[in-house]
All heavy atoms as atom14 arrays in JSON, in Angstrom:
{
  "sequence": "PHDTMTAQPRLDVEALRADFPALAMRINGKPLAYLDNGSTTQKP",
  "atom14_mask": [
    [1, 1, 1, 1, 1, 1, 1, 0, 0, 0, 0, 0, 0, 0],
    [1, 1, 1, 1, 1, 1, 1, 1, 1, 1, 0, 0, 0, 0],
    [1, 1, 1, 1, 1, 1, 1, 1, 0, 0, 0, 0, 0, 0],
    [1, 1, 1, 1, 1, 1, 1, 0, 0, 0, 0, 0, 0, 0],
    [1, 1, 1, 1, 1, 1, 1, 1, 0, 0, 0, 0, 0, 0],
    [1, 1, 1, 1, 1, 1, 1, 0, 0, 0, 0, 0, 0, 0],
    [1, 1, 1, 1, 1, 0, 0, 0, 0, 0, 0, 0, 0, 0],
    [1, 1, 1, 1, 1, 1, 1, 1, 1, 0, 0, 0, 0, 0],
    [1, 1, 1, 1, 1, 1, 1, 0, 0, 0, 0, 0, 0, 0],
    [1, 1, 1, 1, 1, 1, 1, 1, 1, 1, 1, 0, 0, 0],
    [1, 1, 1, 1, 1, 1, 1, 1, 0, 0, 0, 0, 0, 0],
    [1, 1, 1, 1, 1, 1, 1, 1, 0, 0, 0, 0, 0, 0],
    [1, 1, 1, 1, 1, 1, 1, 0, 0, 0, 0, 0, 0, 0],
    [1, 1, 1, 1, 1, 1, 1, 1, 1, 0, 0, 0, 0, 0],
    [1, 1, 1, 1, 1, 0, 0, 0, 0, 0, 0, 0, 0, 0],
    [1, 1, 1, 1, 1, 1, 1, 1, 0, 0, 0, 0, 0, 0],
    [1, 1, 1, 1, 1, 1, 1, 1, 1, 1, 1, 0, 0, 0],
    [1, 1, 1, 1, 1, 0, 0, 0, 0, 0, 0, 0, 0, 0],
    [1, 1, 1, 1, 1, 1, 1, 1, 0, 0, 0, 0, 0, 0],
    [1, 1, 1, 1, 1, 1, 1, 1, 1, 1, 1, 0, 0, 0],
    [1, 1, 1, 1, 1, 1, 1, 0, 0, 0, 0, 0, 0, 0],
    [1, 1, 1, 1, 1, 0, 0, 0, 0, 0, 0, 0, 0, 0],
    [1, 1, 1, 1, 1, 1, 1, 1, 0, 0, 0, 0, 0, 0],
    [1, 1, 1, 1, 1, 0, 0, 0, 0, 0, 0, 0, 0, 0],
    [1, 1, 1, 1, 1, 1, 1, 1, 0, 0, 0, 0, 0, 0],
    [1, 1, 1, 1, 1, 1, 1, 1, 1, 1, 1, 0, 0, 0],
    [1, 1, 1, 1, 1, 1, 1, 1, 0, 0, 0, 0, 0, 0],
    [1, 1, 1, 1, 1, 1, 1, 1, 0, 0, 0, 0, 0, 0],
    [1, 1, 1, 1, 0, 0, 0, 0, 0, 0, 0, 0, 0, 0],
    [1, 1, 1, 1, 1, 1, 1, 1, 1, 0, 0, 0, 0, 0],
    [1, 1, 1, 1, 1, 1, 1, 0, 0, 0, 0, 0, 0, 0],
    [1, 1, 1, 1, 1, 1, 1, 1, 0, 0, 0, 0, 0, 0],
    [1, 1, 1, 1, 1, 0, 0, 0, 0, 0, 0, 0, 0, 0],
    [1, 1, 1, 1, 1, 1, 1, 1, 1, 1, 1, 1, 0, 0],
    [1, 1, 1, 1, 1, 1, 1, 1, 0, 0, 0, 0, 0, 0],
    [1, 1, 1, 1, 1, 1, 1, 1, 0, 0, 0, 0, 0, 0],
    [1, 1, 1, 1, 1, 1, 1, 1, 0, 0, 0, 0, 0, 0],
    [1, 1, 1, 1, 0, 0, 0, 0, 0, 0, 0, 0, 0, 0],
    [1, 1, 1, 1, 1, 1, 0, 0, 0, 0, 0, 0, 0, 0],
    [1, 1, 1, 1, 1, 1, 1, 0, 0, 0, 0, 0, 0, 0],
    [1, 1, 1, 1, 1, 1, 1, 0, 0, 0, 0, 0, 0, 0],
    [1, 1, 1, 1, 1, 1, 1, 1, 1, 0, 0, 0, 0, 0],
    [1, 1, 1, 1, 1, 1, 1, 1, 1, 0, 0, 0, 0, 0],
    [1, 1, 1, 1, 1, 1, 1, 0, 0, 0, 0, 0, 0, 0]
  ],
  "atom14_positions": [
    [[-18.38, -1.2, 1.6], [-17.54, -2.39, 1.72], [-16.56, -2.51, 0.59], [-16.9, -2.24, -0.57], [-18.56, -3.55, 1.69], [-19.87, -2.9, 2.07], [-19.81, -1.51, 1.57], [0.0, 0.0, 0.0], [0.0, 0.0, 0.0], [0.0, 0.0, 0.0], [0.0, 0.0, 0.0], [0.0, 0.0, 0.0], [0.0, 0.0, 0.0], [0.0, 0.0, 0.0]],
    [[-15.31, -2.87, 0.91], [-14.3, -3.15, -0.11], [-14.61, -4.47, -0.8], [-14.36, -4.66, -1.98], [-12.93, -3.18, 0.55], [-11.82, -3.51, -0.39], [-11.41, -2.64, -1.37], [-11.05, -4.61, -0.52], [-10.42, -3.17, -2.05], [-10.18, -4.37, -1.57], [0.0, 0.0, 0.0], [0.0, 0.0, 0.0], [0.0, 0.0, 0.0], [0.0, 0.0, 0.0]],
    [[-15.17, -5.38, -0.03], [-15.5, -6.71, -0.53], [-17.0, -6.88, -0.44], [-17.58, -6.8, 0.65], [-14.78, -7.77, 0.32], [-15.03, -9.17, -0.21], [-15.89, -9.36, -1.09], [-14.33, -10.08, 0.29], [0.0, 0.0, 0.0], [0.0, 0.0, 0.0], [0.0, 0.0, 0.0], [0.0, 0.0, 0.0], [0.0, 0.0, 0.0], [0.0, 0.0, 0.0]],
    [[-17.66, -7.07, -1.55], [-19.12, -7.16, -1.55], [-19.62, -8.39, -0.84], [-20.81, -8.51, -0.55], [-19.64, -7.18, -3.01], [-19.02, -8.29, -3.71], [-19.29, -5.9, -3.73], [0.0, 0.0, 0.0], [0.0, 0.0, 0.0], [0.0, 0.0, 0.0], [0.0, 0.0, 0.0], [0.0, 0.0, 0.0], [0.0, 0.0, 0.0], [0.0, 0.0, 0.0]],
    [[-18.73, -9.34, -0.5], [-19.14, -10.56, 0.2], [-19.24, -10.33, 1.71], [-19.67, -11.19, 2.45], [-18.15, -11.69, -0.09], [-18.08, -12.08, -1.56], [-19.66, -12.61, -2.24], [-19.88, -14.16, -1.33], [0.0, 0.0, 0.0], [0.0, 0.0, 0.0], [0.0, 0.0, 0.0], [0.0, 0.0, 0.0], [0.0, 0.0, 0.0], [0.0, 0.0, 0.0]],
    [[-18.8, -9.17, 2.19], [-18.85, -8.9, 3.62], [-19.58, -7.59, 3.86], [-19.51, -6.67, 3.05], [-17.44, -8.83, 4.25], [-17.58, -8.5, 5.62], [-16.57, -7.8, 3.55], [0.0, 0.0, 0.0], [0.0, 0.0, 0.0], [0.0, 0.0, 0.0], [0.0, 0.0, 0.0], [0.0, 0.0, 0.0], [0.0, 0.0, 0.0], [0.0, 0.0, 0.0]],
    [[-20.27, -7.5, 4.98], [-21.01, -6.28, 5.3], [-20.13, -5.26, 5.99], [-20.53, -4.14, 6.21], [-22.2, -6.64, 6.19], [0.0, 0.0, 0.0], [0.0, 0.0, 0.0], [0.0, 0.0, 0.0], [0.0, 0.0, 0.0], [0.0, 0.0, 0.0], [0.0, 0.0, 0.0], [0.0, 0.0, 0.0], [0.0, 0.0, 0.0], [0.0, 0.0, 0.0]],
    [[-18.94, -5.66, 6.33], [-18.03, -4.78, 7.08], [-17.2, -3.93, 6.13], [-16.56, -4.47, 5.22], [-17.11, -5.63, 7.96], [-16.61, -4.9, 9.18], [-15.88, -5.84, 10.12], [-15.03, -6.61, 9.7], [-16.21, -5.77, 11.4], [0.0, 0.0, 0.0], [0.0, 0.0, 0.0], [0.0, 0.0, 0.0], [0.0, 0.0, 0.0], [0.0, 0.0, 0.0]],
    [[-17.19, -2.61, 6.29], [-16.36, -1.77, 5.41], [-14.89, -2.08, 5.59], [-14.45, -2.43, 6.67], [-16.71, -0.33, 5.85], [-17.24, -0.47, 7.22], [-17.92, -1.81, 7.3], [0.0, 0.0, 0.0], [0.0, 0.0, 0.0], [0.0, 0.0, 0.0], [0.0, 0.0, 0.0], [0.0, 0.0, 0.0], [0.0, 0.0, 0.0], [0.0, 0.0, 0.0]],
    [[-14.14, -1.94, 4.51], [-12.72, -2.23, 4.53], [-11.96, -1.03, 4.0], [-12.46, -0.24, 3.19], [-12.42, -3.46, 3.64], [-13.17, -4.72, 4.02], [-12.75, -5.23, 5.38], [-11.37, -5.64, 5.4], [-10.95, -6.86, 5.04], [-11.81, -7.78, 4.6], [-9.66, -7.16, 5.1], [0.0, 0.0, 0.0], [0.0, 0.0, 0.0], [0.0, 0.0, 0.0]],
    [[-10.72, -0.91, 4.43], [-9.87, 0.17, 3.97], [-9.49, -0.06, 2.51], [-9.11, -1.17, 2.13], [-8.59, 0.19, 4.83], [-7.67, 1.37, 4.63], [-8.31, 2.65, 5.18], [-6.33, 1.12, 5.35], [0.0, 0.0, 0.0], [0.0, 0.0, 0.0], [0.0, 0.0, 0.0], [0.0, 0.0, 0.0], [0.0, 0.0, 0.0], [0.0, 0.0, 0.0]],
    [[-9.61, 0.99, 1.7], [-9.23, 0.9, 0.29], [-7.72, 1.14, 0.2], [-7.26, 2.25, -0.06], [-10.01, 1.92, -0.55], [-9.82, 1.71, -2.03], [-8.87, 0.99, -2.42], [-10.61, 2.25, -2.81], [0.0, 0.0, 0.0], [0.0, 0.0, 0.0], [0.0, 0.0, 0.0], [0.0, 0.0, 0.0], [0.0, 0.0, 0.0], [0.0, 0.0, 0.0]],
    [[-6.95, 0.09, 0.4], [-5.5, 0.19, 0.49], [-4.9, 0.62, -0.84], [-3.94, 1.4, -0.89], [-4.89, -1.13, 0.97], [-3.37, -1.04, 1.05], [-5.46, -1.51, 2.34], [0.0, 0.0, 0.0], [0.0, 0.0, 0.0], [0.0, 0.0, 0.0], [0.0, 0.0, 0.0], [0.0, 0.0, 0.0], [0.0, 0.0, 0.0], [0.0, 0.0, 0.0]],
    [[-5.45, 0.12, -1.94], [-4.88, 0.45, -3.24], [-5.0, 1.96, -3.53], [-4.11, 2.56, -4.12], [-5.54, -0.37, -4.33], [-5.2, -1.86, -4.28], [-3.68, -2.1, -4.26], [-2.97, -1.45, -5.05], [-3.23, -2.94, -3.46], [0.0, 0.0, 0.0], [0.0, 0.0, 0.0], [0.0, 0.0, 0.0], [0.0, 0.0, 0.0], [0.0, 0.0, 0.0]],
    [[-6.12, 2.56, -3.11], [-6.27, 4.0, -3.29], [-5.24, 4.74, -2.47], [-4.67, 5.76, -2.92], [-7.68, 4.44, -2.92], [0.0, 0.0, 0.0], [0.0, 0.0, 0.0], [0.0, 0.0, 0.0], [0.0, 0.0, 0.0], [0.0, 0.0, 0.0], [0.0, 0.0, 0.0], [0.0, 0.0, 0.0], [0.0, 0.0, 0.0], [0.0, 0.0, 0.0]],
    [[-4.98, 4.28, -1.27], [-3.97, 4.91, -0.43], [-2.56, 4.73, -1.02], [-1.75, 5.67, -1.01], [-4.02, 4.33, 0.98], [-5.24, 4.69, 1.82], [-5.26, 3.89, 3.1], [-5.24, 6.18, 2.13], [0.0, 0.0, 0.0], [0.0, 0.0, 0.0], [0.0, 0.0, 0.0], [0.0, 0.0, 0.0], [0.0, 0.0, 0.0], [0.0, 0.0, 0.0]],
    [[-2.28, 3.54, -1.48], [-0.94, 3.27, -2.04], [-0.65, 4.18, -3.24], [0.51, 4.55, -3.48], [-0.82, 1.81, -2.45], [-0.72, 0.86, -1.27], [-0.73, -0.6, -1.73], [0.44, -0.92, -2.56], [1.63, -1.29, -2.08], [1.82, -1.39, -0.78], [2.62, -1.58, -2.9], [0.0, 0.0, 0.0], [0.0, 0.0, 0.0], [0.0, 0.0, 0.0]],
    [[-1.67, 4.55, -3.96], [-1.5, 5.43, -5.13], [-1.01, 6.82, -4.71], [-0.48, 7.57, -5.54], [-2.8, 5.53, -5.91], [0.0, 0.0, 0.0], [0.0, 0.0, 0.0], [0.0, 0.0, 0.0], [0.0, 0.0, 0.0], [0.0, 0.0, 0.0], [0.0, 0.0, 0.0], [0.0, 0.0, 0.0], [0.0, 0.0, 0.0], [0.0, 0.0, 0.0]],
    [[-1.2, 7.16, -3.43], [-0.72, 8.45, -2.94], [0.79, 8.47, -2.69], [1.36, 9.54, -2.46], [-1.42, 8.79, -1.62], [-2.9, 9.08, -1.78], [-3.3, 9.46, -2.9], [-3.64, 8.93, -0.8], [0.0, 0.0, 0.0], [0.0, 0.0, 0.0], [0.0, 0.0, 0.0], [0.0, 0.0, 0.0], [0.0, 0.0, 0.0], [0.0, 0.0, 0.0]],
    [[1.42, 7.3, -2.7], [2.83, 7.17, -2.34], [3.65, 6.71, -3.54], [3.71, 5.51, -3.84], [2.98, 6.15, -1.18], [2.39, 6.61, 0.12], [1.02, 6.57, 0.34], [3.22, 7.11, 1.13], [0.48, 6.99, 1.54], [2.68, 7.54, 2.31], [1.32, 7.48, 2.52], [0.0, 0.0, 0.0], [0.0, 0.0, 0.0], [0.0, 0.0, 0.0]],
    [[4.29, 7.65, -4.25], [5.02, 7.27, -5.47], [6.08, 6.2, -5.23], [6.3, 5.34, -6.09], [5.67, 8.59, -5.91], [4.77, 9.65, -5.36], [4.3, 9.1, -4.04], [0.0, 0.0, 0.0], [0.0, 0.0, 0.0], [0.0, 0.0, 0.0], [0.0, 0.0, 0.0], [0.0, 0.0, 0.0], [0.0, 0.0, 0.0], [0.0, 0.0, 0.0]],
    [[6.76, 6.22, -4.09], [7.84, 5.27, -3.85], [7.36, 3.83, -3.84], [8.15, 2.91, -4.12], [8.55, 5.6, -2.54], [0.0, 0.0, 0.0], [0.0, 0.0, 0.0], [0.0, 0.0, 0.0], [0.0, 0.0, 0.0], [0.0, 0.0, 0.0], [0.0, 0.0, 0.0], [0.0, 0.0, 0.0], [0.0, 0.0, 0.0], [0.0, 0.0, 0.0]],
    [[6.1, 3.61, -3.48], [5.6, 2.24, -3.37], [5.44, 1.57, -4.72], [5.2, 0.35, -4.78], [4.29, 2.22, -2.6], [4.38, 2.72, -1.14], [3.02, 2.6, -0.45], [5.45, 1.95, -0.36], [0.0, 0.0, 0.0], [0.0, 0.0, 0.0], [0.0, 0.0, 0.0], [0.0, 0.0, 0.0], [0.0, 0.0, 0.0], [0.0, 0.0, 0.0]],
    [[5.56, 2.33, -5.8], [5.47, 1.73, -7.14], [6.81, 1.22, -7.65], [6.89, 0.65, -8.73], [4.92, 2.77, -8.13], [0.0, 0.0, 0.0], [0.0, 0.0, 0.0], [0.0, 0.0, 0.0], [0.0, 0.0, 0.0], [0.0, 0.0, 0.0], [0.0, 0.0, 0.0], [0.0, 0.0, 0.0], [0.0, 0.0, 0.0], [0.0, 0.0, 0.0]],
    [[7.88, 1.4, -6.85], [9.21, 0.97, -7.28], [9.31, -0.55, -7.34], [8.55, -1.27, -6.71], [10.27, 1.5, -6.31], [10.57, 2.95, -6.43], [12.1, 3.38, -5.51], [11.54, 3.16, -3.82], [0.0, 0.0, 0.0], [0.0, 0.0, 0.0], [0.0, 0.0, 0.0], [0.0, 0.0, 0.0], [0.0, 0.0, 0.0], [0.0, 0.0, 0.0]],
    [[10.31, -0.96, -8.13], [10.73, -2.38, -8.13], [12.16, -2.44, -7.6], [13.0, -1.6, -7.95], [10.64, -2.99, -9.53], [9.23, -2.98, -10.09], [9.19, -3.64, -11.48], [9.34, -5.08, -11.42], [8.35, -5.95, -11.19], [7.11, -5.51, -11.0], [8.56, -7.23, -11.17], [0.0, 0.0, 0.0], [0.0, 0.0, 0.0], [0.0, 0.0, 0.0]],
    [[12.42, -3.39, -6.72], [13.74, -3.6, -6.13], [14.22, -5.0, -6.52], [13.53, -5.98, -6.28], [13.68, -3.45, -4.61], [13.16, -2.06, -4.21], [15.05, -3.72, -3.99], [14.05, -0.91, -4.62], [0.0, 0.0, 0.0], [0.0, 0.0, 0.0], [0.0, 0.0, 0.0], [0.0, 0.0, 0.0], [0.0, 0.0, 0.0], [0.0, 0.0, 0.0]],
    [[15.41, -5.05, -7.14], [15.94, -6.34, -7.61], [14.94, -7.06, -8.51], [14.79, -8.28, -8.47], [16.32, -7.23, -6.42], [17.46, -6.64, -5.6], [18.43, -6.14, -6.16], [17.31, -6.67, -4.28], [0.0, 0.0, 0.0], [0.0, 0.0, 0.0], [0.0, 0.0, 0.0], [0.0, 0.0, 0.0], [0.0, 0.0, 0.0], [0.0, 0.0, 0.0]],
    [[14.24, -6.26, -9.31], [13.29, -6.81, -10.26], [11.96, -7.23, -9.67], [11.09, -7.73, -10.38], [0.0, 0.0, 0.0], [0.0, 0.0, 0.0], [0.0, 0.0, 0.0], [0.0, 0.0, 0.0], [0.0, 0.0, 0.0], [0.0, 0.0, 0.0], [0.0, 0.0, 0.0], [0.0, 0.0, 0.0], [0.0, 0.0, 0.0], [0.0, 0.0, 0.0]],
    [[11.78, -6.99, -8.36], [10.53, -7.41, -7.68], [9.8, -6.15, -7.2], [10.4, -5.14, -6.89], [10.85, -8.29, -6.46], [11.75, -9.49, -6.74], [11.04, -10.52, -7.57], [11.75, -11.86, -7.52], [13.21, -11.81, -7.65], [0.0, 0.0, 0.0], [0.0, 0.0, 0.0], [0.0, 0.0, 0.0], [0.0, 0.0, 0.0], [0.0, 0.0, 0.0]],
    [[8.46, -6.24, -7.13], [7.72, -5.09, -6.57], [8.14, -4.83, -5.13], [8.31, -5.77, -4.35], [6.25, -5.56, -6.62], [6.22, -6.66, -7.63], [7.57, -7.33, -7.57], [0.0, 0.0, 0.0], [0.0, 0.0, 0.0], [0.0, 0.0, 0.0], [0.0, 0.0, 0.0], [0.0, 0.0, 0.0], [0.0, 0.0, 0.0], [0.0, 0.0, 0.0]],
    [[8.37, -3.58, -4.81], [8.78, -3.23, -3.46], [7.66, -3.54, -2.46], [6.53, -3.1, -2.62], [9.12, -1.75, -3.38], [9.35, -1.17, -1.97], [10.59, -1.82, -1.32], [9.5, 0.35, -2.03], [0.0, 0.0, 0.0], [0.0, 0.0, 0.0], [0.0, 0.0, 0.0], [0.0, 0.0, 0.0], [0.0, 0.0, 0.0], [0.0, 0.0, 0.0]],
    [[8.03, -4.29, -1.42], [7.16, -4.45, -0.24], [7.86, -3.74, 0.89], [8.83, -4.25, 1.45], [6.93, -5.93, 0.07], [0.0, 0.0, 0.0], [0.0, 0.0, 0.0], [0.0, 0.0, 0.0], [0.0, 0.0, 0.0], [0.0, 0.0, 0.0], [0.0, 0.0, 0.0], [0.0, 0.0, 0.0], [0.0, 0.0, 0.0], [0.0, 0.0, 0.0]],
    [[7.4, -2.56, 1.23], [8.12, -1.71, 2.19], [7.61, -2.04, 3.58], [6.49, -1.66, 3.98], [7.93, -0.24, 1.87], [8.81, 0.63, 2.73], [10.17, 0.74, 2.43], [8.33, 1.32, 3.84], [11.03, 1.52, 3.22], [9.16, 2.08, 4.62], [10.51, 2.18, 4.3], [11.34, 2.94, 5.09], [0.0, 0.0, 0.0], [0.0, 0.0, 0.0]],
    [[8.43, -2.75, 4.34], [8.11, -3.2, 5.7], [9.11, -2.68, 6.7], [9.5, -3.36, 7.66], [8.06, -4.74, 5.74], [7.0, -5.39, 4.84], [7.23, -6.89, 4.72], [5.61, -5.12, 5.41], [0.0, 0.0, 0.0], [0.0, 0.0, 0.0], [0.0, 0.0, 0.0], [0.0, 0.0, 0.0], [0.0, 0.0, 0.0], [0.0, 0.0, 0.0]],
    [[9.54, -1.42, 6.49], [10.51, -0.76, 7.38], [9.96, 0.57, 7.86], [10.71, 1.53, 8.05], [11.84, -0.58, 6.66], [12.98, -0.25, 7.61], [12.88, -0.56, 8.81], [13.99, 0.31, 7.15], [0.0, 0.0, 0.0], [0.0, 0.0, 0.0], [0.0, 0.0, 0.0], [0.0, 0.0, 0.0], [0.0, 0.0, 0.0], [0.0, 0.0, 0.0]],
    [[8.66, 0.63, 8.07], [8.01, 1.88, 8.46], [8.4, 2.35, 9.86], [8.32, 3.55, 10.16], [6.49, 1.73, 8.36], [6.02, 1.54, 6.93], [5.94, 2.49, 6.17], [5.74, 0.29, 6.55], [0.0, 0.0, 0.0], [0.0, 0.0, 0.0], [0.0, 0.0, 0.0], [0.0, 0.0, 0.0], [0.0, 0.0, 0.0], [0.0, 0.0, 0.0]],
    [[8.8, 1.43, 10.72], [9.23, 1.8, 12.06], [10.52, 2.59, 12.05], [10.82, 3.34, 12.99], [0.0, 0.0, 0.0], [0.0, 0.0, 0.0], [0.0, 0.0, 0.0], [0.0, 0.0, 0.0], [0.0, 0.0, 0.0], [0.0, 0.0, 0.0], [0.0, 0.0, 0.0], [0.0, 0.0, 0.0], [0.0, 0.0, 0.0], [0.0, 0.0, 0.0]],
    [[11.31, 2.44, 10.98], [12.56, 3.19, 10.84], [12.28, 4.55, 10.2], [12.68, 5.6, 10.72], [13.55, 2.41, 9.99], [14.72, 3.16, 9.8], [0.0, 0.0, 0.0], [0.0, 0.0, 0.0], [0.0, 0.0, 0.0], [0.0, 0.0, 0.0], [0.0, 0.0, 0.0], [0.0, 0.0, 0.0], [0.0, 0.0, 0.0], [0.0, 0.0, 0.0]],
    [[11.62, 4.54, 9.06], [11.12, 5.77, 8.45], [10.01, 5.4, 7.49], [10.01, 4.29, 6.92], [12.25, 6.54, 7.72], [11.84, 7.9, 7.5], [12.61, 5.91, 6.39], [0.0, 0.0, 0.0], [0.0, 0.0, 0.0], [0.0, 0.0, 0.0], [0.0, 0.0, 0.0], [0.0, 0.0, 0.0], [0.0, 0.0, 0.0], [0.0, 0.0, 0.0]],
    [[9.09, 6.3, 7.3], [7.95, 6.04, 6.41], [8.17, 6.69, 5.05], [8.93, 7.66, 4.9], [6.67, 6.63, 7.01], [6.9, 7.99, 7.38], [6.22, 5.84, 8.23], [0.0, 0.0, 0.0], [0.0, 0.0, 0.0], [0.0, 0.0, 0.0], [0.0, 0.0, 0.0], [0.0, 0.0, 0.0], [0.0, 0.0, 0.0], [0.0, 0.0, 0.0]],
    [[7.51, 6.15, 4.04], [7.5, 6.8, 2.73], [6.56, 8.01, 2.77], [5.78, 8.17, 3.72], [7.06, 5.81, 1.65], [8.01, 4.61, 1.5], [9.43, 5.02, 1.14], [9.64, 6.03, 0.46], [10.39, 4.24, 1.58], [0.0, 0.0, 0.0], [0.0, 0.0, 0.0], [0.0, 0.0, 0.0], [0.0, 0.0, 0.0], [0.0, 0.0, 0.0]],
    [[6.63, 8.87, 1.76], [5.93, 10.15, 1.82], [4.84, 10.23, 0.77], [5.07, 9.93, -0.4], [6.89, 11.32, 1.61], [8.24, 11.15, 2.32], [8.13, 10.89, 3.81], [9.5, 10.6, 4.41], [9.41, 10.05, 5.78], [0.0, 0.0, 0.0], [0.0, 0.0, 0.0], [0.0, 0.0, 0.0], [0.0, 0.0, 0.0], [0.0, 0.0, 0.0]],
    [[3.63, 10.68, 1.15], [2.57, 10.85, 0.16], [2.78, 12.09, -0.7], [3.56, 13.0, -0.35], [1.31, 11.0, 1.03], [1.81, 11.58, 2.31], [3.18, 11.02, 2.51], [0.0, 0.0, 0.0], [0.0, 0.0, 0.0], [0.0, 0.0, 0.0], [0.0, 0.0, 0.0], [0.0, 0.0, 0.0], [0.0, 0.0, 0.0], [0.0, 0.0, 0.0]]
  ]
}
């Protein structure tokens, strides 16, 4: 489980995000939230 309060296993999203260097960028001084995956995806 990602959350010890639930018995259901959860995806470790932070571990996955670490595989994608582009997701660590800041855009206009803000952390990038990349919500354009339908157009093209970032690369691990």
